[in-house]
Amino acid sequence: MGRLQELVGARHPEGVPHWHLSRTAVLPGLRGRGLGGALLRYQLARADEEETAAYLEAGTPRDGALYERCGFRALGAPTALPDGGPEIQPMWRAGLSAPRVH
């Protein structure tokens, strides 16, 4: 987990106020019922009230598709995890300003 935090943390936008939506999960037996989307829309409604951007990382193509439907766009190339791990795609949903990518 430490290495994961290091890799994705290096891609985290700086200098722009935003919500970091992190570690949302739905139990496998409950997936496909819209629960993840409902959780995400709840958080995004709160960010929208503050006119604030949002950032997250997609761990699977399915996650990325959900996030795109909610207005997120890929923020640069995916981060490849070591030892054959998945690629993590940083994603951004615009608020009042654009992120500074490093």
PDB file of N, CA and C in Angstrom:
ATOM      1  N   MET A   1       0.828  -1.197   0.000  1.00  0.00           N
ATOM      2  CA  MET A   1       0.000   0.000   0.000  1.00  0.00           C
ATOM      3  C   MET A   1       0.868   1.255   0.000  1.00  0.00           C
ATOM      4  N   GLY A   2       2.001   1.183   0.683  1.00  0.00           N
ATOM      5  CA  GLY A   2       2.890   2.336   0.704  1.00  0.00           C
ATOM      6  C   GLY A   2       3.393   2.689  -0.681  1.00  0.00           C
ATOM      7  N   ARG A   3       3.778   1.665  -1.449  1.00  0.00           N
ATOM      8  CA  ARG A   3       4.272   1.899  -2.814  1.00  0.00           C
ATOM      9  C   ARG A   3       3.147   2.439  -3.695  1.00  0.00           C
ATOM     10  N   LEU A   4       1.936   1.931  -3.538  1.00  0.00           N
ATOM     11  CA  LEU A   4       0.783   2.432  -4.289  1.00  0.00           C
ATOM     12  C   LEU A   4       0.576   3.911  -3.991  1.00  0.00           C
ATOM     13  N   GLN A   5       0.590   4.273  -2.714  1.00  0.00           N
ATOM     14  CA  GLN A   5       0.421   5.681  -2.337  1.00  0.00           C
ATOM     15  C   GLN A   5       1.513   6.551  -2.943  1.00  0.00           C
ATOM     16  N   GLU A   6       2.725   6.044  -2.944  1.00  0.00           N
ATOM     17  CA  GLU A   6       3.842   6.793  -3.504  1.00  0.00           C
ATOM     18  C   GLU A   6       3.643   7.035  -5.001  1.00  0.00           C
ATOM     19  N   LEU A   7       3.253   6.002  -5.730  1.00  0.00           N
ATOM     20  CA  LEU A   7       3.094   6.120  -7.188  1.00  0.00           C
ATOM     21  C   LEU A   7       1.932   7.029  -7.580  1.00  0.00           C
ATOM     22  N   VAL A   8       0.771   6.821  -6.972  1.00  0.00           N
ATOM     23  CA  VAL A   8      -0.371   7.653  -7.346  1.00  0.00           C
ATOM     24  C   VAL A   8      -0.264   9.040  -6.719  1.00  0.00           C
ATOM     25  N   GLY A   9       0.353   9.140  -5.562  1.00  0.00           N
ATOM     26  CA  GLY A   9       0.534  10.440  -4.921  1.00  0.00           C
ATOM     27  C   GLY A   9       1.399  11.372  -5.740  1.00  0.00           C
ATOM     28  N   ALA A  10       2.360  10.805  -6.456  1.00  0.00           N
ATOM     29  CA  ALA A  10       3.230  11.619  -7.302  1.00  0.00           C
ATOM     30  C   ALA A  10       2.458  12.267  -8.451  1.00  0.00           C
ATOM     31  N   ARG A  11       1.304  11.743  -8.774  1.00  0.00           N
ATOM     32  CA  ARG A  11       0.490  12.265  -9.875  1.00  0.00           C
ATOM     33  C   ARG A  11      -0.624  13.198  -9.394  1.00  0.00           C
ATOM     34  N   HIS A  12      -0.820  13.271  -8.103  1.00  0.00           N
ATOM     35  CA  HIS A  12      -1.922  14.061  -7.536  1.00  0.00           C
ATOM     36  C   HIS A  12      -1.744  15.547  -7.882  1.00  0.00           C
ATOM     37  N   PRO A  13      -2.787  16.195  -8.418  1.00  0.00           N
ATOM     38  CA  PRO A  13      -2.679  17.614  -8.773  1.00  0.00           C
ATOM     39  C   PRO A  13      -2.368  18.485  -7.559  1.00  0.00           C
ATOM     40  N   GLU A  14      -1.587  19.520  -7.804  1.00  0.00           N
ATOM     41  CA  GLU A  14      -1.223  20.467  -6.746  1.00  0.00           C
ATOM     42  C   GLU A  14      -1.639  21.869  -7.144  1.00  0.00           C
ATOM     43  N   GLY A  15      -1.849  22.705  -6.155  1.00  0.00           N
ATOM     44  CA  GLY A  15      -2.086  24.114  -6.401  1.00  0.00           C
ATOM     45  C   GLY A  15      -3.486  24.469  -6.856  1.00  0.00           C
ATOM     46  N   VAL A  16      -4.397  23.519  -6.844  1.00  0.00           N
ATOM     47  CA  VAL A  16      -5.781  23.778  -7.250  1.00  0.00           C
ATOM     48  C   VAL A  16      -6.697  23.173  -6.184  1.00  0.00           C
ATOM     49  N   PRO A  17      -7.588  23.973  -5.620  1.00  0.00           N
ATOM     50  CA  PRO A  17      -8.523  23.405  -4.647  1.00  0.00           C
ATOM     51  C   PRO A  17      -9.362  22.311  -5.312  1.00  0.00           C
ATOM     52  N   HIS A  18      -9.475  21.166  -4.654  1.00  0.00           N
ATOM     53  CA  HIS A  18     -10.289  20.080  -5.208  1.00  0.00           C
ATOM     54  C   HIS A  18     -10.601  19.067  -4.117  1.00  0.00           C
ATOM     55  N   TRP A  19     -11.604  18.279  -4.398  1.00  0.00           N
ATOM     56  CA  TRP A  19     -11.931  17.151  -3.548  1.00  0.00           C
ATOM     57  C   TRP A  19     -11.188  15.947  -4.086  1.00  0.00           C
ATOM     58  N   HIS A  20     -10.545  15.177  -3.214  1.00  0.00           N
ATOM     59  CA  HIS A  20      -9.922  13.916  -3.605  1.00  0.00           C
ATOM     60  C   HIS A  20     -10.872  12.811  -3.168  1.00  0.00           C
ATOM     61  N   LEU A  21     -11.531  12.211  -4.130  1.00  0.00           N
ATOM     62  CA  LEU A  21     -12.474  11.129  -3.858  1.00  0.00           C
ATOM     63  C   LEU A  21     -11.691   9.823  -3.888  1.00  0.00           C
ATOM     64  N   SER A  22     -11.523   9.233  -2.752  1.00  0.00           N
ATOM     65  CA  SER A  22     -10.599   8.120  -2.618  1.00  0.00           C
ATOM     66  C   SER A  22     -11.271   6.907  -1.995  1.00  0.00           C
ATOM     67  N   ARG A  23     -10.914   5.763  -2.519  1.00  0.00           N
ATOM     68  CA  ARG A  23     -11.254   4.477  -1.914  1.00  0.00           C
ATOM     69  C   ARG A  23     -12.739   4.239  -1.677  1.00  0.00           C
ATOM     70  N   THR A  24     -13.515   4.408  -2.692  1.00  0.00           N
ATOM     71  CA  THR A  24     -14.917   4.030  -2.637  1.00  0.00           C
ATOM     72  C   THR A  24     -15.034   2.618  -3.190  1.00  0.00           C
ATOM     73  N   ALA A  25     -15.776   1.772  -2.526  1.00  0.00           N
ATOM     74  CA  ALA A  25     -15.915   0.390  -2.986  1.00  0.00           C
ATOM     75  C   ALA A  25     -17.321  -0.114  -2.708  1.00  0.00           C
ATOM     76  N   VAL A  26     -17.734  -1.069  -3.533  1.00  0.00           N
ATOM     77  CA  VAL A  26     -19.011  -1.749  -3.351  1.00  0.00           C
ATOM     78  C   VAL A  26     -18.716  -3.238  -3.258  1.00  0.00           C
ATOM     79  N   LEU A  27     -19.310  -3.915  -2.310  1.00  0.00           N
ATOM     80  CA  LEU A  27     -19.104  -5.355  -2.159  1.00  0.00           C
ATOM     81  C   LEU A  27     -19.443  -6.074  -3.462  1.00  0.00           C
ATOM     82  N   PRO A  28     -18.677  -7.097  -3.803  1.00  0.00           N
ATOM     83  CA  PRO A  28     -18.900  -7.788  -5.079  1.00  0.00           C
ATOM     84  C   PRO A  28     -20.343  -8.232  -5.304  1.00  0.00           C
ATOM     85  N   GLY A  29     -20.995  -8.746  -4.300  1.00  0.00           N
ATOM     86  CA  GLY A  29     -22.368  -9.215  -4.460  1.00  0.00           C
ATOM     87  C   GLY A  29     -23.388  -8.121  -4.693  1.00  0.00           C
ATOM     88  N   LEU A  30     -23.003  -6.873  -4.461  1.00  0.00           N
ATOM     89  CA  LEU A  30     -23.920  -5.739  -4.621  1.00  0.00           C
ATOM     90  C   LEU A  30     -23.599  -4.887  -5.849  1.00  0.00           C
ATOM     91  N   ARG A  31     -22.559  -5.260  -6.582  1.00  0.00           N
ATOM     92  CA  ARG A  31     -22.172  -4.480  -7.758  1.00  0.00           C
ATOM     93  C   ARG A  31     -23.210  -4.611  -8.856  1.00  0.00           C
ATOM     94  N   GLY A  32     -23.230  -3.597  -9.718  1.00  0.00           N
ATOM     95  CA  GLY A  32     -24.157  -3.608 -10.846  1.00  0.00           C
ATOM     96  C   GLY A  32     -25.546  -3.092 -10.509  1.00  0.00           C
ATOM     97  N   ARG A  33     -25.732  -2.552  -9.330  1.00  0.00           N
ATOM     98  CA  ARG A  33     -27.040  -2.043  -8.892  1.00  0.00           C
ATOM     99  C   ARG A  33     -27.079  -0.520  -8.826  1.00  0.00           C
ATOM    100  N   GLY A  34     -25.992   0.128  -9.223  1.00  0.00           N
ATOM    101  CA  GLY A  34     -25.962   1.582  -9.209  1.00  0.00           C
ATOM    102  C   GLY A  34     -25.511   2.197  -7.896  1.00  0.00           C
ATOM    103  N   LEU A  35     -25.055   1.374  -6.964  1.00  0.00           N
ATOM    104  CA  LEU A  35     -24.658   1.901  -5.659  1.00  0.00           C
ATOM    105  C   LEU A  35     -23.403   2.764  -5.752  1.00  0.00           C
ATOM    106  N   GLY A  36     -22.415   2.329  -6.521  1.00  0.00           N
ATOM    107  CA  GLY A  36     -21.195   3.117  -6.690  1.00  0.00           C
ATOM    108  C   GLY A  36     -21.488   4.467  -7.317  1.00  0.00           C
ATOM    109  N   GLY A  37     -22.339   4.461  -8.343  1.00  0.00           N
ATOM    110  CA  GLY A  37     -22.726   5.713  -8.988  1.00  0.00           C
ATOM    111  C   GLY A  37     -23.468   6.638  -8.046  1.00  0.00           C
ATOM    112  N   ALA A  38     -24.327   6.067  -7.203  1.00  0.00           N
ATOM    113  CA  ALA A  38     -25.067   6.877  -6.234  1.00  0.00           C
ATOM    114  C   ALA A  38     -24.119   7.513  -5.226  1.00  0.00           C
ATOM    115  N   LEU A  39     -23.147   6.738  -4.739  1.00  0.00           N
ATOM    116  CA  LEU A  39     -22.165   7.287  -3.800  1.00  0.00           C
ATOM    117  C   LEU A  39     -21.364   8.411  -4.452  1.00  0.00           C
ATOM    118  N   LEU A  40     -20.956   8.186  -5.686  1.00  0.00           N
ATOM    119  CA  LEU A  40     -20.175   9.187  -6.408  1.00  0.00           C
ATOM    120  C   LEU A  40     -20.991  10.455  -6.656  1.00  0.00           C
ATOM    121  N   ARG A  41     -22.228  10.303  -7.108  1.00  0.00           N
ATOM    122  CA  ARG A  41     -23.066  11.482  -7.380  1.00  0.00           C
ATOM    123  C   ARG A  41     -23.325  12.286  -6.109  1.00  0.00           C
ATOM    124  N   TYR A  42     -23.461  11.616  -4.976  1.00  0.00           N
ATOM    125  CA  TYR A  42     -23.643  12.317  -3.699  1.00  0.00           C
ATOM    126  C   TYR A  42     -22.439  13.206  -3.410  1.00  0.00           C
ATOM    127  N   GLN A  43     -21.244  12.648  -3.527  1.00  0.00           N
ATOM    128  CA  GLN A  43     -20.033  13.427  -3.268  1.00  0.00           C
ATOM    129  C   GLN A  43     -19.868  14.553  -4.288  1.00  0.00           C
ATOM    130  N   LEU A  44     -20.169  14.283  -5.552  1.00  0.00           N
ATOM    131  CA  LEU A  44     -20.022  15.317  -6.576  1.00  0.00           C
ATOM    132  C   LEU A  44     -21.024  16.451  -6.381  1.00  0.00           C
ATOM    133  N   ALA A  45     -22.200  16.144  -5.888  1.00  0.00           N
ATOM    134  CA  ALA A  45     -23.179  17.203  -5.609  1.00  0.00           C
ATOM    135  C   ALA A  45     -22.634  18.139  -4.533  1.00  0.00           C
ATOM    136  N   ARG A  46     -21.969  17.578  -3.544  1.00  0.00           N
ATOM    137  CA  ARG A  46     -21.374  18.414  -2.501  1.00  0.00           C
ATOM    138  C   ARG A  46     -20.234  19.264  -3.064  1.00  0.00           C
ATOM    139  N   ALA A  47     -19.394  18.675  -3.927  1.00  0.00           N
ATOM    140  CA  ALA A  47     -18.311  19.440  -4.556  1.00  0.00           C
ATOM    141  C   ALA A  47     -18.889  20.544  -5.441  1.00  0.00           C
ATOM    142  N   ASP A  48     -19.969  20.228  -6.151  1.00  0.00           N
ATOM    143  CA  ASP A  48     -20.599  21.228  -7.016  1.00  0.00           C
ATOM    144  C   ASP A  48     -21.154  22.397  -6.215  1.00  0.00           C
ATOM    145  N   GLU A  49     -21.690  22.121  -5.034  1.00  0.00           N
ATOM    146  CA  GLU A  49     -22.187  23.201  -4.174  1.00  0.00           C
ATOM    147  C   GLU A  49     -21.066  24.183  -3.842  1.00  0.00           C
ATOM    148  N   GLU A  50     -19.862  23.675  -3.720  1.00  0.00           N
ATOM    149  CA  GLU A  50     -18.694  24.506  -3.415  1.00  0.00           C
ATOM    150  C   GLU A  50     -17.975  24.979  -4.681  1.00  0.00           C
ATOM    151  N   GLU A  51     -18.499  24.586  -5.849  1.00  0.00           N
ATOM    152  CA  GLU A  51     -17.885  24.912  -7.143  1.00  0.00           C
ATOM    153  C   GLU A  51     -16.423  24.468  -7.176  1.00  0.00           C
ATOM    154  N   THR A  52     -16.183  23.268  -6.654  1.00  0.00           N
ATOM    155  CA  THR A  52     -14.836  22.734  -6.517  1.00  0.00           C
ATOM    156  C   THR A  52     -14.629  21.557  -7.455  1.00  0.00           C
ATOM    157  N   ALA A  53     -13.433  21.458  -8.001  1.00  0.00           N
ATOM    158  CA  ALA A  53     -13.068  20.336  -8.860  1.00  0.00           C
ATOM    159  C   ALA A  53     -12.958  19.059  -8.037  1.00  0.00           C
ATOM    160  N   ALA A  54     -12.860  17.931  -8.733  1.00  0.00           N
ATOM    161  CA  ALA A  54     -12.706  16.643  -8.058  1.00  0.00           C
ATOM    162  C   ALA A  54     -11.654  15.807  -8.776  1.00  0.00           C
ATOM    163  N   TYR A  55     -10.947  15.010  -7.995  1.00  0.00           N
ATOM    164  CA  TYR A  55      -9.889  14.143  -8.502  1.00  0.00           C
ATOM    165  C   TYR A  55     -10.077  12.752  -7.919  1.00  0.00           C
ATOM    166  N   LEU A  56      -9.790  11.747  -8.727  1.00  0.00           N
ATOM    167  CA  LEU A  56      -9.803  10.368  -8.256  1.00  0.00           C
ATOM    168  C   LEU A  56      -8.935   9.519  -9.165  1.00  0.00           C
ATOM    169  N   GLU A  57      -8.753   8.271  -8.797  1.00  0.00           N
ATOM    170  CA  GLU A  57      -8.005   7.331  -9.615  1.00  0.00           C
ATOM    171  C   GLU A  57      -8.906   6.154  -9.949  1.00  0.00           C
ATOM    172  N   ALA A  58      -8.967   5.811 -11.232  1.00  0.00           N
ATOM    173  CA  ALA A  58      -9.738   4.650 -11.675  1.00  0.00           C
ATOM    174  C   ALA A  58      -8.825   3.430 -11.673  1.00  0.00           C
ATOM    175  N   GLY A  59      -9.258   2.377 -11.000  1.00  0.00           N
ATOM    176  CA  GLY A  59      -8.469   1.164 -10.919  1.00  0.00           C
ATOM    177  C   GLY A  59      -8.814   0.128 -11.972  1.00  0.00           C
ATOM    178  N   THR A  60      -9.960   0.306 -12.623  1.00  0.00           N
ATOM    179  CA  THR A  60     -10.381  -0.631 -13.671  1.00  0.00           C
ATOM    180  C   THR A  60     -11.039   0.157 -14.803  1.00  0.00           C
ATOM    181  N   PRO A  61     -11.091  -0.419 -16.000  1.00  0.00           N
ATOM    182  CA  PRO A  61     -11.820   0.249 -17.095  1.00  0.00           C
ATOM    183  C   PRO A  61     -13.292   0.492 -16.746  1.00  0.00           C
ATOM    184  N   ARG A  62     -13.903  -0.432 -16.014  1.00  0.00           N
ATOM    185  CA  ARG A  62     -15.308  -0.254 -15.608  1.00  0.00           C
ATOM    186  C   ARG A  62     -15.455   0.974 -14.716  1.00  0.00           C
ATOM    187  N   ASP A  63     -14.529   1.132 -13.762  1.00  0.00           N
ATOM    188  CA  ASP A  63     -14.544   2.327 -12.915  1.00  0.00           C
ATOM    189  C   ASP A  63     -14.391   3.582 -13.767  1.00  0.00           C
ATOM    190  N   GLY A  64     -13.430   3.550 -14.686  1.00  0.00           N
ATOM    191  CA  GLY A  64     -13.181   4.709 -15.545  1.00  0.00           C
ATOM    192  C   GLY A  64     -14.402   5.104 -16.350  1.00  0.00           C
ATOM    193  N   ALA A  65     -15.139   4.123 -16.855  1.00  0.00           N
ATOM    194  CA  ALA A  65     -16.357   4.412 -17.625  1.00  0.00           C
ATOM    195  C   ALA A  65     -17.409   5.098 -16.757  1.00  0.00           C
ATOM    196  N   LEU A  66     -17.572   4.634 -15.525  1.00  0.00           N
ATOM    197  CA  LEU A  66     -18.508   5.278 -14.595  1.00  0.00           C
ATOM    198  C   LEU A  66     -18.081   6.710 -14.340  1.00  0.00           C
ATOM    199  N   TYR A  67     -16.801   6.912 -14.081  1.00  0.00           N
ATOM    200  CA  TYR A  67     -16.305   8.248 -13.789  1.00  0.00           C
ATOM    201  C   TYR A  67     -16.466   9.178 -14.986  1.00  0.00           C
ATOM    202  N   GLU A  68     -16.253   8.668 -16.184  1.00  0.00           N
ATOM    203  CA  GLU A  68     -16.458   9.489 -17.387  1.00  0.00           C
ATOM    204  C   GLU A  68     -17.922   9.892 -17.522  1.00  0.00           C
ATOM    205  N   ARG A  69     -18.837   8.991 -17.210  1.00  0.00           N
ATOM    206  CA  ARG A  69     -20.264   9.333 -17.268  1.00  0.00           C
ATOM    207  C   ARG A  69     -20.611  10.440 -16.272  1.00  0.00           C
ATOM    208  N   CYS A  70     -19.814  10.568 -15.228  1.00  0.00           N
ATOM    209  CA  CYS A  70     -20.039  11.607 -14.211  1.00  0.00           C
ATOM    210  C   CYS A  70     -19.209  12.862 -14.469  1.00  0.00           C
ATOM    211  N   GLY A  71     -18.576  12.954 -15.645  1.00  0.00           N
ATOM    212  CA  GLY A  71     -17.885  14.179 -16.022  1.00  0.00           C
ATOM    213  C   GLY A  71     -16.383  14.176 -15.842  1.00  0.00           C
ATOM    214  N   PHE A  72     -15.796  13.075 -15.384  1.00  0.00           N
ATOM    215  CA  PHE A  72     -14.348  13.004 -15.222  1.00  0.00           C
ATOM    216  C   PHE A  72     -13.685  12.741 -16.568  1.00  0.00           C
ATOM    217  N   ARG A  73     -12.452  13.217 -16.695  1.00  0.00           N
ATOM    218  CA  ARG A  73     -11.622  12.957 -17.873  1.00  0.00           C
ATOM    219  C   ARG A  73     -10.256  12.494 -17.397  1.00  0.00           C
ATOM    220  N   ALA A  74      -9.597  11.673 -18.229  1.00  0.00           N
ATOM    221  CA  ALA A  74      -8.265  11.182 -17.892  1.00  0.00           C
ATOM    222  C   ALA A  74      -7.325  12.367 -17.696  1.00  0.00           C
ATOM    223  N   LEU A  75      -6.489  12.267 -16.701  1.00  0.00           N
ATOM    224  CA  LEU A  75      -5.502  13.302 -16.388  1.00  0.00           C
ATOM    225  C   LEU A  75      -4.134  12.696 -16.674  1.00  0.00           C
ATOM    226  N   GLY A  76      -3.707  12.790 -17.920  1.00  0.00           N
ATOM    227  CA  GLY A  76      -2.438  12.201 -18.323  1.00  0.00           C
ATOM    228  C   GLY A  76      -2.550  10.704 -18.527  1.00  0.00           C
ATOM    229  N   ALA A  77      -1.401  10.087 -18.661  1.00  0.00           N
ATOM    230  CA  ALA A  77      -1.329   8.644 -18.890  1.00  0.00           C
ATOM    231  C   ALA A  77      -1.571   7.879 -17.591  1.00  0.00           C
ATOM    232  N   PRO A  78      -1.985   6.616 -17.690  1.00  0.00           N
ATOM    233  CA  PRO A  78      -2.154   5.802 -16.483  1.00  0.00           C
ATOM    234  C   PRO A  78      -0.821   5.568 -15.777  1.00  0.00           C
ATOM    235  N   THR A  79      -0.899   5.271 -14.495  1.00  0.00           N
ATOM    236  CA  THR A  79       0.261   4.897 -13.698  1.00  0.00           C
ATOM    237  C   THR A  79       0.309   3.378 -13.641  1.00  0.00           C
ATOM    238  N   ALA A  80       1.395   2.788 -14.138  1.00  0.00           N
ATOM    239  CA  ALA A  80       1.551   1.336 -14.098  1.00  0.00           C
ATOM    240  C   ALA A  80       2.057   0.927 -12.719  1.00  0.00           C
ATOM    241  N   LEU A  81       1.380  -0.014 -12.104  1.00  0.00           N
ATOM    242  CA  LEU A  81       1.815  -0.519 -10.812  1.00  0.00           C
ATOM    243  C   LEU A  81       2.835  -1.636 -11.011  1.00  0.00           C
ATOM    244  N   PRO A  82       3.761  -1.781 -10.083  1.00  0.00           N
ATOM    245  CA  PRO A  82       4.823  -2.793 -10.238  1.00  0.00           C
ATOM    246  C   PRO A  82       4.297  -4.218 -10.100  1.00  0.00           C
ATOM    247  N   ASP A  83       5.142  -5.148 -10.483  1.00  0.00           N
ATOM    248  CA  ASP A  83       4.886  -6.582 -10.311  1.00  0.00           C
ATOM    249  C   ASP A  83       3.609  -7.055 -10.994  1.00  0.00           C
ATOM    250  N   GLY A  84       3.327  -6.498 -12.169  1.00  0.00           N
ATOM    251  CA  GLY A  84       2.169  -6.939 -12.932  1.00  0.00           C
ATOM    252  C   GLY A  84       0.842  -6.418 -12.425  1.00  0.00           C
ATOM    253  N   GLY A  85       0.881  -5.408 -11.564  1.00  0.00           N
ATOM    254  CA  GLY A  85      -0.355  -4.825 -11.042  1.00  0.00           C
ATOM    255  C   GLY A  85      -1.098  -4.061 -12.120  1.00  0.00           C
ATOM    256  N   PRO A  86      -2.310  -3.653 -11.838  1.00  0.00           N
ATOM    257  CA  PRO A  86      -3.109  -2.927 -12.835  1.00  0.00           C
ATOM    258  C   PRO A  86      -2.573  -1.517 -13.070  1.00  0.00           C
ATOM    259  N   GLU A  87      -3.081  -0.896 -14.095  1.00  0.00           N
ATOM    260  CA  GLU A  87      -2.795   0.517 -14.328  1.00  0.00           C
ATOM    261  C   GLU A  87      -3.850   1.340 -13.607  1.00  0.00           C
ATOM    262  N   ILE A  88      -3.406   2.399 -12.963  1.00  0.00           N
ATOM    263  CA  ILE A  88      -4.298   3.307 -12.245  1.00  0.00           C
ATOM    264  C   ILE A  88      -4.388   4.587 -13.071  1.00  0.00           C
ATOM    265  N   GLN A  89      -5.606   4.967 -13.445  1.00  0.00           N
ATOM    266  CA  GLN A  89      -5.805   6.144 -14.285  1.00  0.00           C
ATOM    267  C   GLN A  89      -6.230   7.341 -13.440  1.00  0.00           C
ATOM    268  N   PRO A  90      -5.361   8.355 -13.292  1.00  0.00           N
ATOM    269  CA  PRO A  90      -5.784   9.581 -12.619  1.00  0.00           C
ATOM    270  C   PRO A  90      -6.870  10.266 -13.455  1.00  0.00           C
ATOM    271  N   MET A  91      -7.890  10.791 -12.779  1.00  0.00           N
ATOM    272  CA  MET A  91      -9.000  11.437 -13.488  1.00  0.00           C
ATOM    273  C   MET A  91      -9.387  12.732 -12.778  1.00  0.00           C
ATOM    274  N   TRP A  92      -9.861  13.678 -13.571  1.00  0.00           N
ATOM    275  CA  TRP A  92     -10.177  15.020 -13.091  1.00  0.00           C
ATOM    276  C   TRP A  92     -11.546  15.443 -13.588  1.00  0.00           C
ATOM    277  N   ARG A  93     -12.297  16.072 -12.704  1.00  0.00           N
ATOM    278  CA  ARG A  93     -13.589  16.684 -13.062  1.00  0.00           C
ATOM    279  C   ARG A  93     -13.458  18.162 -12.739  1.00  0.00           C
ATOM    280  N   ALA A  94     -13.591  18.992 -13.756  1.00  0.00           N
ATOM    281  CA  ALA A  94     -13.316  20.414 -13.620  1.00  0.00           C
ATOM    282  C   ALA A  94     -14.240  21.089 -12.627  1.00  0.00           C
ATOM    283  N   GLY A  95     -13.657  22.023 -11.931  1.00  0.00           N
ATOM    284  CA  GLY A  95     -14.394  22.937 -11.073  1.00  0.00           C
ATOM    285  C   GLY A  95     -14.197  24.328 -11.649  1.00  0.00           C
ATOM    286  N   LEU A  96     -13.607  25.205 -10.868  1.00  0.00           N
ATOM    287  CA  LEU A  96     -13.390  26.572 -11.314  1.00  0.00           C
ATOM    288  C   LEU A  96     -12.068  26.778 -12.038  1.00  0.00           C
ATOM    289  N   SER A  97     -11.090  25.866 -11.864  1.00  0.00           N
ATOM    290  CA  SER A  97      -9.798  26.045 -12.484  1.00  0.00           C
ATOM    291  C   SER A  97      -9.194  24.702 -12.875  1.00  0.00           C
ATOM    292  N   ALA A  98      -8.155  24.737 -13.674  1.00  0.00           N
ATOM    293  CA  ALA A  98      -7.520  23.518 -14.168  1.00  0.00           C
ATOM    294  C   ALA A  98      -6.367  23.118 -13.243  1.00  0.00           C
ATOM    295  N   PRO A  99      -6.063  21.812 -13.195  1.00  0.00           N
ATOM    296  CA  PRO A  99      -4.974  21.359 -12.339  1.00  0.00           C
ATOM    297  C   PRO A  99      -3.611  21.617 -12.973  1.00  0.00           C
ATOM    298  N   ARG A 100      -2.611  21.691 -12.117  1.00  0.00           N
ATOM    299  CA  ARG A 100      -1.229  21.743 -12.595  1.00  0.00           C
ATOM    300  C   ARG A 100      -0.705  20.317 -12.534  1.00  0.00           C
ATOM    301  N   VAL A 101      -0.418  19.743 -13.690  1.00  0.00           N
ATOM    302  CA  VAL A 101       0.029  18.357 -13.765  1.00  0.00           C
ATOM    303  C   VAL A 101       1.541  18.330 -13.634  1.00  0.00           C
ATOM    304  N   HIS A 102       2.065  17.387 -12.827  1.00  0.00           N
ATOM    305  CA  HIS A 102       3.506  17.253 -12.688  1.00  0.00           C
ATOM    306  C   HIS A 102       3.939  15.870 -13.049  1.00  0.00           C
TER     307      HIS A 102
END
